[in-house]
Amino acid sequence: SEKAKQLRAMRKYGKKVQTEILQRRQKEKKNMLNAVKKYQKGLSDK
């Protein structure tokens, strides 16, 4: 019972970490695409 409880906690934590990583990657990708669009349109020179 204790081992099953630990496995459930680890799975829950792993899913949480995986979700956070995917959200961070999507956010970084979105920010990079916005920056590229601004540079192509001439709104930014950085």
All heavy atoms as atom14 arrays in JSON, in Angstrom:
{
  "sequence": "SEKAKQLRAMRKYGKKVQTEILQRRQKEKKNMLNAVKKYQKGLSDK",
  "atom14_mask": [
    [1, 1, 1, 1, 1, 1, 0, 0, 0, 0, 0, 0, 0, 0],
    [1, 1, 1, 1, 1, 1, 1, 1, 1, 0, 0, 0, 0, 0],
    [1, 1, 1, 1, 1, 1, 1, 1, 1, 0, 0, 0, 0, 0],
    [1, 1, 1, 1, 1, 0, 0, 0, 0, 0, 0, 0, 0, 0],
    [1, 1, 1, 1, 1, 1, 1, 1, 1, 0, 0, 0, 0, 0],
    [1, 1, 1, 1, 1, 1, 1, 1, 1, 0, 0, 0, 0, 0],
    [1, 1, 1, 1, 1, 1, 1, 1, 0, 0, 0, 0, 0, 0],
    [1, 1, 1, 1, 1, 1, 1, 1, 1, 1, 1, 0, 0, 0],
    [1, 1, 1, 1, 1, 0, 0, 0, 0, 0, 0, 0, 0, 0],
    [1, 1, 1, 1, 1, 1, 1, 1, 0, 0, 0, 0, 0, 0],
    [1, 1, 1, 1, 1, 1, 1, 1, 1, 1, 1, 0, 0, 0],
    [1, 1, 1, 1, 1, 1, 1, 1, 1, 0, 0, 0, 0, 0],
    [1, 1, 1, 1, 1, 1, 1, 1, 1, 1, 1, 1, 0, 0],
    [1, 1, 1, 1, 0, 0, 0, 0, 0, 0, 0, 0, 0, 0],
    [1, 1, 1, 1, 1, 1, 1, 1, 1, 0, 0, 0, 0, 0],
    [1, 1, 1, 1, 1, 1, 1, 1, 1, 0, 0, 0, 0, 0],
    [1, 1, 1, 1, 1, 1, 1, 0, 0, 0, 0, 0, 0, 0],
    [1, 1, 1, 1, 1, 1, 1, 1, 1, 0, 0, 0, 0, 0],
    [1, 1, 1, 1, 1, 1, 1, 0, 0, 0, 0, 0, 0, 0],
    [1, 1, 1, 1, 1, 1, 1, 1, 1, 0, 0, 0, 0, 0],
    [1, 1, 1, 1, 1, 1, 1, 1, 0, 0, 0, 0, 0, 0],
    [1, 1, 1, 1, 1, 1, 1, 1, 0, 0, 0, 0, 0, 0],
    [1, 1, 1, 1, 1, 1, 1, 1, 1, 0, 0, 0, 0, 0],
    [1, 1, 1, 1, 1, 1, 1, 1, 1, 1, 1, 0, 0, 0],
    [1, 1, 1, 1, 1, 1, 1, 1, 1, 1, 1, 0, 0, 0],
    [1, 1, 1, 1, 1, 1, 1, 1, 1, 0, 0, 0, 0, 0],
    [1, 1, 1, 1, 1, 1, 1, 1, 1, 0, 0, 0, 0, 0],
    [1, 1, 1, 1, 1, 1, 1, 1, 1, 0, 0, 0, 0, 0],
    [1, 1, 1, 1, 1, 1, 1, 1, 1, 0, 0, 0, 0, 0],
    [1, 1, 1, 1, 1, 1, 1, 1, 1, 0, 0, 0, 0, 0],
    [1, 1, 1, 1, 1, 1, 1, 1, 0, 0, 0, 0, 0, 0],
    [1, 1, 1, 1, 1, 1, 1, 1, 0, 0, 0, 0, 0, 0],
    [1, 1, 1, 1, 1, 1, 1, 1, 0, 0, 0, 0, 0, 0],
    [1, 1, 1, 1, 1, 1, 1, 1, 0, 0, 0, 0, 0, 0],
    [1, 1, 1, 1, 1, 0, 0, 0, 0, 0, 0, 0, 0, 0],
    [1, 1, 1, 1, 1, 1, 1, 0, 0, 0, 0, 0, 0, 0],
    [1, 1, 1, 1, 1, 1, 1, 1, 1, 0, 0, 0, 0, 0],
    [1, 1, 1, 1, 1, 1, 1, 1, 1, 0, 0, 0, 0, 0],
    [1, 1, 1, 1, 1, 1, 1, 1, 1, 1, 1, 1, 0, 0],
    [1, 1, 1, 1, 1, 1, 1, 1, 1, 0, 0, 0, 0, 0],
    [1, 1, 1, 1, 1, 1, 1, 1, 1, 0, 0, 0, 0, 0],
    [1, 1, 1, 1, 0, 0, 0, 0, 0, 0, 0, 0, 0, 0],
    [1, 1, 1, 1, 1, 1, 1, 1, 0, 0, 0, 0, 0, 0],
    [1, 1, 1, 1, 1, 1, 0, 0, 0, 0, 0, 0, 0, 0],
    [1, 1, 1, 1, 1, 1, 1, 1, 0, 0, 0, 0, 0, 0],
    [1, 1, 1, 1, 1, 1, 1, 1, 1, 0, 0, 0, 0, 0]
  ],
  "atom14_positions": [
    [[0.82, -1.21, 0.0], [0.0, 0.0, 0.0], [0.86, 1.26, 0.0], [0.59, 2.22, -0.74], [-0.92, -0.02, 1.22], [-1.67, 1.17, 1.31], [0.0, 0.0, 0.0], [0.0, 0.0, 0.0], [0.0, 0.0, 0.0], [0.0, 0.0, 0.0], [0.0, 0.0, 0.0], [0.0, 0.0, 0.0], [0.0, 0.0, 0.0], [0.0, 0.0, 0.0]],
    [[1.93, 1.25, 0.8], [2.82, 2.42, 0.85], [3.54, 2.61, -0.48], [3.71, 3.75, -0.96], [3.84, 2.21, 1.97], [4.7, 3.44, 2.26], [3.92, 4.6, 2.83], [2.85, 4.35, 3.41], [4.38, 5.74, 2.68], [0.0, 0.0, 0.0], [0.0, 0.0, 0.0], [0.0, 0.0, 0.0], [0.0, 0.0, 0.0], [0.0, 0.0, 0.0]],
    [[3.97, 1.5, -1.1], [4.65, 1.59, -2.39], [3.72, 2.12, -3.47], [4.1, 2.97, -4.29], [5.18, 0.21, -2.78], [6.12, 0.23, -3.96], [6.73, -1.14, -4.21], [7.69, -1.1, -5.38], [8.29, -2.44, -5.63], [0.0, 0.0, 0.0], [0.0, 0.0, 0.0], [0.0, 0.0, 0.0], [0.0, 0.0, 0.0], [0.0, 0.0, 0.0]],
    [[2.46, 1.62, -3.48], [1.49, 2.12, -4.45], [1.21, 3.61, -4.24], [1.06, 4.37, -5.19], [0.2, 1.3, -4.34], [0.0, 0.0, 0.0], [0.0, 0.0, 0.0], [0.0, 0.0, 0.0], [0.0, 0.0, 0.0], [0.0, 0.0, 0.0], [0.0, 0.0, 0.0], [0.0, 0.0, 0.0], [0.0, 0.0, 0.0], [0.0, 0.0, 0.0]],
    [[1.16, 4.01, -2.98], [0.93, 5.42, -2.67], [2.08, 6.28, -3.19], [1.87, 7.36, -3.77], [0.78, 5.59, -1.16], [0.38, 6.97, -0.71], [0.18, 7.01, 0.78], [-0.22, 8.41, 1.25], [-0.4, 8.45, 2.72], [0.0, 0.0, 0.0], [0.0, 0.0, 0.0], [0.0, 0.0, 0.0], [0.0, 0.0, 0.0], [0.0, 0.0, 0.0]],
    [[3.32, 5.8, -3.0], [4.48, 6.54, -3.5], [4.48, 6.62, -5.02], [4.81, 7.65, -5.6], [5.76, 5.89, -2.99], [5.98, 6.04, -1.49], [7.24, 5.34, -1.02], [7.96, 4.74, -1.82], [7.51, 5.41, 0.27], [0.0, 0.0, 0.0], [0.0, 0.0, 0.0], [0.0, 0.0, 0.0], [0.0, 0.0, 0.0], [0.0, 0.0, 0.0]],
    [[4.11, 5.5, -5.68], [4.07, 5.51, -7.14], [3.02, 6.49, -7.66], [3.26, 7.21, -8.65], [3.76, 4.09, -7.65], [4.9, 3.07, -7.55], [4.41, 1.68, -7.96], [6.08, 3.48, -8.43], [0.0, 0.0, 0.0], [0.0, 0.0, 0.0], [0.0, 0.0, 0.0], [0.0, 0.0, 0.0], [0.0, 0.0, 0.0], [0.0, 0.0, 0.0]],
    [[1.87, 6.52, -7.0], [0.84, 7.49, -7.42], [1.33, 8.92, -7.26], [1.09, 9.77, -8.13], [-0.43, 7.26, -6.61], [-1.21, 6.02, -7.01], [-2.63, 6.06, -6.43], [-2.62, 6.07, -4.97], [-2.66, 4.98, -4.23], [-2.7, 3.78, -4.79], [-2.67, 5.07, -2.91], [0.0, 0.0, 0.0], [0.0, 0.0, 0.0], [0.0, 0.0, 0.0]],
    [[2.02, 9.17, -6.14], [2.54, 10.53, -5.92], [3.6, 10.88, -6.97], [3.62, 12.01, -7.49], [3.13, 10.62, -4.51], [0.0, 0.0, 0.0], [0.0, 0.0, 0.0], [0.0, 0.0, 0.0], [0.0, 0.0, 0.0], [0.0, 0.0, 0.0], [0.0, 0.0, 0.0], [0.0, 0.0, 0.0], [0.0, 0.0, 0.0], [0.0, 0.0, 0.0]],
    [[4.47, 9.9, -7.32], [5.51, 10.16, -8.32], [4.9, 10.4, -9.7], [5.34, 11.29, -10.44], [6.48, 8.98, -8.36], [7.37, 8.87, -7.13], [8.38, 7.37, -7.13], [9.42, 7.69, -8.54], [0.0, 0.0, 0.0], [0.0, 0.0, 0.0], [0.0, 0.0, 0.0], [0.0, 0.0, 0.0], [0.0, 0.0, 0.0], [0.0, 0.0, 0.0]],
    [[3.87, 9.6, -10.05], [3.21, 9.81, -11.33], [2.54, 11.18, -11.39], [2.61, 11.89, -12.42], [2.18, 8.72, -11.56], [2.79, 7.36, -11.88], [1.72, 6.29, -11.94], [2.3, 4.97, -12.14], [1.62, 3.83, -12.05], [0.32, 3.87, -11.75], [2.22, 2.67, -12.24], [0.0, 0.0, 0.0], [0.0, 0.0, 0.0], [0.0, 0.0, 0.0]],
    [[1.9, 11.55, -10.32], [1.24, 12.85, -10.27], [2.26, 13.97, -10.41], [2.06, 14.94, -11.16], [0.48, 12.97, -8.95], [-0.39, 14.21, -8.85], [-1.2, 14.2, -7.56], [-2.09, 15.43, -7.47], [-2.85, 15.43, -6.2], [0.0, 0.0, 0.0], [0.0, 0.0, 0.0], [0.0, 0.0, 0.0], [0.0, 0.0, 0.0], [0.0, 0.0, 0.0]],
    [[3.4, 13.84, -9.71], [4.45, 14.86, -9.8], [5.06, 14.88, -11.2], [5.34, 15.96, -11.75], [5.52, 14.57, -8.76], [6.66, 15.55, -8.77], [6.51, 16.84, -8.28], [7.9, 15.19, -9.29], [7.55, 17.74, -8.29], [8.95, 16.08, -9.31], [8.77, 17.35, -8.82], [9.81, 18.23, -8.84], [0.0, 0.0, 0.0], [0.0, 0.0, 0.0]],
    [[5.25, 13.67, -11.81], [5.82, 13.61, -13.15], [4.92, 14.26, -14.18], [5.38, 14.99, -15.07], [0.0, 0.0, 0.0], [0.0, 0.0, 0.0], [0.0, 0.0, 0.0], [0.0, 0.0, 0.0], [0.0, 0.0, 0.0], [0.0, 0.0, 0.0], [0.0, 0.0, 0.0], [0.0, 0.0, 0.0], [0.0, 0.0, 0.0], [0.0, 0.0, 0.0]],
    [[3.61, 14.01, -14.08], [2.67, 14.65, -15.0], [2.68, 16.16, -14.82], [2.61, 16.92, -15.8], [1.27, 14.11, -14.75], [1.07, 12.67, -15.23], [-0.35, 12.21, -15.0], [-0.55, 10.79, -15.49], [-1.92, 10.3, -15.23], [0.0, 0.0, 0.0], [0.0, 0.0, 0.0], [0.0, 0.0, 0.0], [0.0, 0.0, 0.0], [0.0, 0.0, 0.0]],
    [[2.78, 16.61, -13.58], [2.81, 18.04, -13.32], [4.05, 18.68, -13.94], [3.97, 19.73, -14.61], [2.78, 18.29, -11.82], [2.73, 19.75, -11.43], [2.69, 19.91, -9.92], [2.69, 21.38, -9.52], [2.68, 21.54, -8.06], [0.0, 0.0, 0.0], [0.0, 0.0, 0.0], [0.0, 0.0, 0.0], [0.0, 0.0, 0.0], [0.0, 0.0, 0.0]],
    [[5.21, 18.03, -13.75], [6.46, 18.57, -14.31], [6.41, 18.57, -15.84], [6.82, 19.54, -16.5], [7.66, 17.75, -13.8], [8.93, 18.15, -14.52], [7.83, 17.94, -12.3], [0.0, 0.0, 0.0], [0.0, 0.0, 0.0], [0.0, 0.0, 0.0], [0.0, 0.0, 0.0], [0.0, 0.0, 0.0], [0.0, 0.0, 0.0], [0.0, 0.0, 0.0]],
    [[5.88, 17.48, -16.43], [5.79, 17.39, -17.87], [4.87, 18.48, -18.44], [5.18, 19.11, -19.45], [5.27, 16.01, -18.27], [5.3, 15.75, -19.77], [4.84, 14.35, -20.1], [4.37, 13.65, -19.22], [4.95, 13.96, -21.35], [0.0, 0.0, 0.0], [0.0, 0.0, 0.0], [0.0, 0.0, 0.0], [0.0, 0.0, 0.0], [0.0, 0.0, 0.0]],
    [[3.77, 18.71, -17.76], [2.85, 19.76, -18.21], [3.52, 21.14, -18.13], [3.37, 21.96, -19.05], [1.58, 19.74, -17.35], [1.0, 18.43, -17.38], [0.57, 20.75, -17.85], [0.0, 0.0, 0.0], [0.0, 0.0, 0.0], [0.0, 0.0, 0.0], [0.0, 0.0, 0.0], [0.0, 0.0, 0.0], [0.0, 0.0, 0.0], [0.0, 0.0, 0.0]],
    [[4.26, 21.37, -17.06], [4.95, 22.66, -16.92], [6.0, 22.85, -18.01], [6.15, 23.95, -18.58], [5.6, 22.75, -15.54], [4.59, 22.88, -14.4], [5.28, 22.92, -13.04], [6.51, 22.75, -13.01], [4.57, 23.11, -12.03], [0.0, 0.0, 0.0], [0.0, 0.0, 0.0], [0.0, 0.0, 0.0], [0.0, 0.0, 0.0], [0.0, 0.0, 0.0]],
    [[6.73, 21.77, -18.35], [7.75, 21.87, -19.39], [7.12, 22.16, -20.75], [7.59, 23.01, -21.51], [8.58, 20.57, -19.44], [9.44, 20.44, -18.17], [9.48, 20.54, -20.67], [10.17, 19.14, -18.06], [0.0, 0.0, 0.0], [0.0, 0.0, 0.0], [0.0, 0.0, 0.0], [0.0, 0.0, 0.0], [0.0, 0.0, 0.0], [0.0, 0.0, 0.0]],
    [[6.02, 21.45, -21.07], [5.34, 21.69, -22.34], [4.79, 23.11, -22.43], [4.9, 23.78, -23.47], [4.21, 20.68, -22.52], [4.65, 19.21, -22.72], [3.43, 18.31, -22.77], [5.46, 19.07, -24.0], [0.0, 0.0, 0.0], [0.0, 0.0, 0.0], [0.0, 0.0, 0.0], [0.0, 0.0, 0.0], [0.0, 0.0, 0.0], [0.0, 0.0, 0.0]],
    [[4.22, 23.59, -21.33], [3.71, 24.96, -21.34], [4.83, 25.98, -21.51], [4.68, 26.97, -22.24], [2.95, 25.23, -20.04], [1.63, 24.48, -19.93], [0.93, 24.71, -18.61], [1.48, 25.37, -17.72], [-0.27, 24.17, -18.46], [0.0, 0.0, 0.0], [0.0, 0.0, 0.0], [0.0, 0.0, 0.0], [0.0, 0.0, 0.0], [0.0, 0.0, 0.0]],
    [[5.98, 25.72, -20.85], [7.1, 26.65, -21.0], [7.65, 26.65, -22.42], [7.97, 27.71, -22.97], [8.21, 26.26, -20.01], [9.35, 27.28, -19.98], [10.35, 26.99, -18.9], [11.14, 25.81, -19.2], [11.05, 24.67, -18.53], [10.2, 24.56, -17.54], [11.79, 23.64, -18.84], [0.0, 0.0, 0.0], [0.0, 0.0, 0.0], [0.0, 0.0, 0.0]],
    [[7.73, 25.45, -23.04], [8.21, 25.38, -24.42], [7.26, 26.1, -25.37], [7.69, 26.82, -26.28], [8.36, 23.92, -24.84], [9.56, 23.22, -24.2], [9.64, 21.78, -24.66], [10.78, 21.1, -24.06], [11.02, 19.8, -24.21], [10.2, 19.04, -24.93], [12.08, 19.25, -23.63], [0.0, 0.0, 0.0], [0.0, 0.0, 0.0], [0.0, 0.0, 0.0]],
    [[5.97, 25.89, -25.18], [5.0, 26.57, -26.03], [5.09, 28.09, -25.87], [5.0, 28.84, -26.85], [3.59, 26.09, -25.71], [3.32, 24.64, -26.12], [1.95, 24.16, -25.72], [1.19, 24.91, -25.1], [1.62, 22.92, -26.05], [0.0, 0.0, 0.0], [0.0, 0.0, 0.0], [0.0, 0.0, 0.0], [0.0, 0.0, 0.0], [0.0, 0.0, 0.0]],
    [[5.28, 28.54, -24.64], [5.4, 29.98, -24.4], [6.65, 30.54, -25.06], [6.62, 31.61, -25.68], [5.43, 30.22, -22.88], [5.4, 31.69, -22.51], [5.35, 31.86, -21.0], [5.32, 33.33, -20.62], [5.3, 33.51, -19.15], [0.0, 0.0, 0.0], [0.0, 0.0, 0.0], [0.0, 0.0, 0.0], [0.0, 0.0, 0.0], [0.0, 0.0, 0.0]],
    [[7.8, 29.81, -24.93], [9.04, 30.28, -25.56], [8.91, 30.31, -27.08], [9.38, 31.24, -27.74], [10.2, 29.36, -25.13], [10.57, 29.49, -23.66], [11.65, 28.49, -23.27], [12.03, 27.66, -24.14], [12.11, 28.53, -22.11], [0.0, 0.0, 0.0], [0.0, 0.0, 0.0], [0.0, 0.0, 0.0], [0.0, 0.0, 0.0], [0.0, 0.0, 0.0]],
    [[8.27, 29.26, -27.63], [8.09, 29.22, -29.08], [7.21, 30.37, -29.55], [7.48, 31.02, -30.57], [7.47, 27.88, -29.46], [7.36, 27.66, -30.95], [6.81, 26.28, -31.25], [6.7, 26.05, -32.75], [6.16, 24.7, -33.06], [0.0, 0.0, 0.0], [0.0, 0.0, 0.0], [0.0, 0.0, 0.0], [0.0, 0.0, 0.0], [0.0, 0.0, 0.0]],
    [[6.15, 30.65, -28.81], [5.24, 31.74, -29.17], [5.97, 33.08, -29.11], [5.82, 33.92, -30.01], [4.05, 31.73, -28.22], [2.98, 32.75, -28.57], [1.79, 32.63, -27.63], [0.72, 33.65, -27.97], [-0.43, 33.54, -27.03], [0.0, 0.0, 0.0], [0.0, 0.0, 0.0], [0.0, 0.0, 0.0], [0.0, 0.0, 0.0], [0.0, 0.0, 0.0]],
    [[6.78, 33.29, -28.04], [7.52, 34.55, -27.92], [8.52, 34.71, -29.07], [8.69, 35.81, -29.61], [8.25, 34.59, -26.58], [7.29, 34.66, -25.41], [6.14, 35.1, -25.57], [7.73, 34.24, -24.25], [0.0, 0.0, 0.0], [0.0, 0.0, 0.0], [0.0, 0.0, 0.0], [0.0, 0.0, 0.0], [0.0, 0.0, 0.0], [0.0, 0.0, 0.0]],
    [[9.19, 33.58, -29.44], [10.17, 33.67, -30.53], [9.49, 33.98, -31.85], [9.97, 34.81, -32.64], [10.93, 32.36, -30.63], [12.07, 32.41, -31.64], [12.86, 30.82, -31.89], [11.56, 29.98, -32.77], [0.0, 0.0, 0.0], [0.0, 0.0, 0.0], [0.0, 0.0, 0.0], [0.0, 0.0, 0.0], [0.0, 0.0, 0.0], [0.0, 0.0, 0.0]],
    [[8.33, 33.35, -32.12], [7.62, 33.63, -33.37], [7.14, 35.07, -33.42], [7.2, 35.72, -34.49], [6.44, 32.66, -33.5], [6.8, 31.18, -33.73], [5.54, 30.33, -33.74], [7.56, 31.01, -35.05], [0.0, 0.0, 0.0], [0.0, 0.0, 0.0], [0.0, 0.0, 0.0], [0.0, 0.0, 0.0], [0.0, 0.0, 0.0], [0.0, 0.0, 0.0]],
    [[6.69, 35.59, -32.29], [6.27, 37.01, -32.25], [7.45, 37.93, -32.53], [7.31, 38.93, -33.24], [5.64, 37.33, -30.9], [4.31, 36.61, -30.7], [3.63, 36.27, -31.67], [3.92, 36.39, -29.45], [0.0, 0.0, 0.0], [0.0, 0.0, 0.0], [0.0, 0.0, 0.0], [0.0, 0.0, 0.0], [0.0, 0.0, 0.0], [0.0, 0.0, 0.0]],
    [[8.61, 37.59, -31.95], [9.8, 38.42, -32.18], [10.23, 38.36, -33.64], [10.63, 39.37, -34.22], [10.93, 37.96, -31.26], [0.0, 0.0, 0.0], [0.0, 0.0, 0.0], [0.0, 0.0, 0.0], [0.0, 0.0, 0.0], [0.0, 0.0, 0.0], [0.0, 0.0, 0.0], [0.0, 0.0, 0.0], [0.0, 0.0, 0.0], [0.0, 0.0, 0.0]],
    [[10.14, 37.18, -34.26], [10.51, 37.05, -35.67], [9.56, 37.87, -36.55], [9.99, 38.55, -37.5], [10.51, 35.56, -36.08], [10.66, 35.42, -37.59], [11.64, 34.83, -35.38], [0.0, 0.0, 0.0], [0.0, 0.0, 0.0], [0.0, 0.0, 0.0], [0.0, 0.0, 0.0], [0.0, 0.0, 0.0], [0.0, 0.0, 0.0], [0.0, 0.0, 0.0]],
    [[8.26, 37.8, -36.25], [7.29, 38.57, -37.02], [7.54, 40.07, -36.9], [7.47, 40.82, -37.88], [5.87, 38.23, -36.56], [5.41, 36.84, -36.97], [4.01, 36.57, -36.48], [3.55, 35.17, -36.87], [2.17, 34.86, -36.36], [0.0, 0.0, 0.0], [0.0, 0.0, 0.0], [0.0, 0.0, 0.0], [0.0, 0.0, 0.0], [0.0, 0.0, 0.0]],
    [[7.87, 40.51, -35.66], [8.17, 41.94, -35.48], [9.4, 42.35, -36.27], [9.44, 43.44, -36.85], [8.37, 42.23, -33.99], [7.09, 42.2, -33.18], [7.36, 42.53, -31.72], [6.08, 42.5, -30.89], [6.34, 42.82, -29.47], [0.0, 0.0, 0.0], [0.0, 0.0, 0.0], [0.0, 0.0, 0.0], [0.0, 0.0, 0.0], [0.0, 0.0, 0.0]],
    [[10.42, 41.46, -36.29], [11.64, 41.8, -37.03], [11.37, 41.83, -38.54], [11.89, 42.69, -39.25], [12.73, 40.78, -36.7], [14.03, 41.06, -37.42], [14.91, 42.01, -36.94], [14.36, 40.36, -38.58], [16.09, 42.28, -37.62], [15.53, 40.61, -39.25], [16.4, 41.58, -38.77], [17.56, 41.84, -39.42], [0.0, 0.0, 0.0], [0.0, 0.0, 0.0]],
    [[10.56, 40.9, -39.04], [10.26, 40.87, -40.47], [9.46, 42.09, -40.89], [9.63, 42.6, -42.0], [9.48, 39.59, -40.81], [10.33, 38.33, -40.72], [9.51, 37.07, -40.97], [8.29, 37.13, -40.99], [10.19, 35.94, -41.16], [0.0, 0.0, 0.0], [0.0, 0.0, 0.0], [0.0, 0.0, 0.0], [0.0, 0.0, 0.0], [0.0, 0.0, 0.0]],
    [[8.59, 42.54, -40.02], [7.77, 43.72, -40.35], [8.52, 45.02, -40.12], [8.01, 46.09, -40.46], [6.49, 43.72, -39.51], [5.55, 42.59, -39.88], [4.3, 42.61, -39.01], [3.36, 41.48, -39.36], [2.15, 41.47, -38.49], [0.0, 0.0, 0.0], [0.0, 0.0, 0.0], [0.0, 0.0, 0.0], [0.0, 0.0, 0.0], [0.0, 0.0, 0.0]],
    [[9.73, 44.95, -39.56], [10.5, 46.16, -39.32], [10.14, 46.88, -38.05], [10.59, 48.01, -37.82], [0.0, 0.0, 0.0], [0.0, 0.0, 0.0], [0.0, 0.0, 0.0], [0.0, 0.0, 0.0], [0.0, 0.0, 0.0], [0.0, 0.0, 0.0], [0.0, 0.0, 0.0], [0.0, 0.0, 0.0], [0.0, 0.0, 0.0], [0.0, 0.0, 0.0]],
    [[9.35, 46.25, -37.18], [8.97, 46.9, -35.93], [10.08, 46.81, -34.89], [10.05, 47.53, -33.9], [7.7, 46.25, -35.37], [6.46, 46.34, -36.28], [5.3, 45.59, -35.66], [6.09, 47.8, -36.54], [0.0, 0.0, 0.0], [0.0, 0.0, 0.0], [0.0, 0.0, 0.0], [0.0, 0.0, 0.0], [0.0, 0.0, 0.0], [0.0, 0.0, 0.0]],
    [[11.03, 45.92, -35.09], [12.13, 45.76, -34.15], [13.39, 45.44, -34.93], [13.35, 44.78, -35.98], [11.82, 44.63, -33.16], [12.92, 44.4, -32.31], [0.0, 0.0, 0.0], [0.0, 0.0, 0.0], [0.0, 0.0, 0.0], [0.0, 0.0, 0.0], [0.0, 0.0, 0.0], [0.0, 0.0, 0.0], [0.0, 0.0, 0.0], [0.0, 0.0, 0.0]],
    [[14.54, 45.93, -34.45], [15.82, 45.65, -35.09], [16.75, 44.84, -34.2], [17.95, 44.77, -34.43], [16.52, 46.98, -35.46], [16.71, 47.86, -34.24], [16.1, 47.56, -33.19], [17.45, 48.86, -34.35], [0.0, 0.0, 0.0], [0.0, 0.0, 0.0], [0.0, 0.0, 0.0], [0.0, 0.0, 0.0], [0.0, 0.0, 0.0], [0.0, 0.0, 0.0]],
    [[16.19, 44.19, -33.18], [16.99, 43.39, -32.24], [16.89, 41.93, -32.63], [15.83, 41.43, -33.01], [16.5, 43.59, -30.82], [16.7, 45.01, -30.3], [16.22, 45.11, -28.86], [16.41, 46.52, -28.33], [15.95, 46.65, -26.93], [0.0, 0.0, 0.0], [0.0, 0.0, 0.0], [0.0, 0.0, 0.0], [0.0, 0.0, 0.0], [0.0, 0.0, 0.0]]
  ]
}
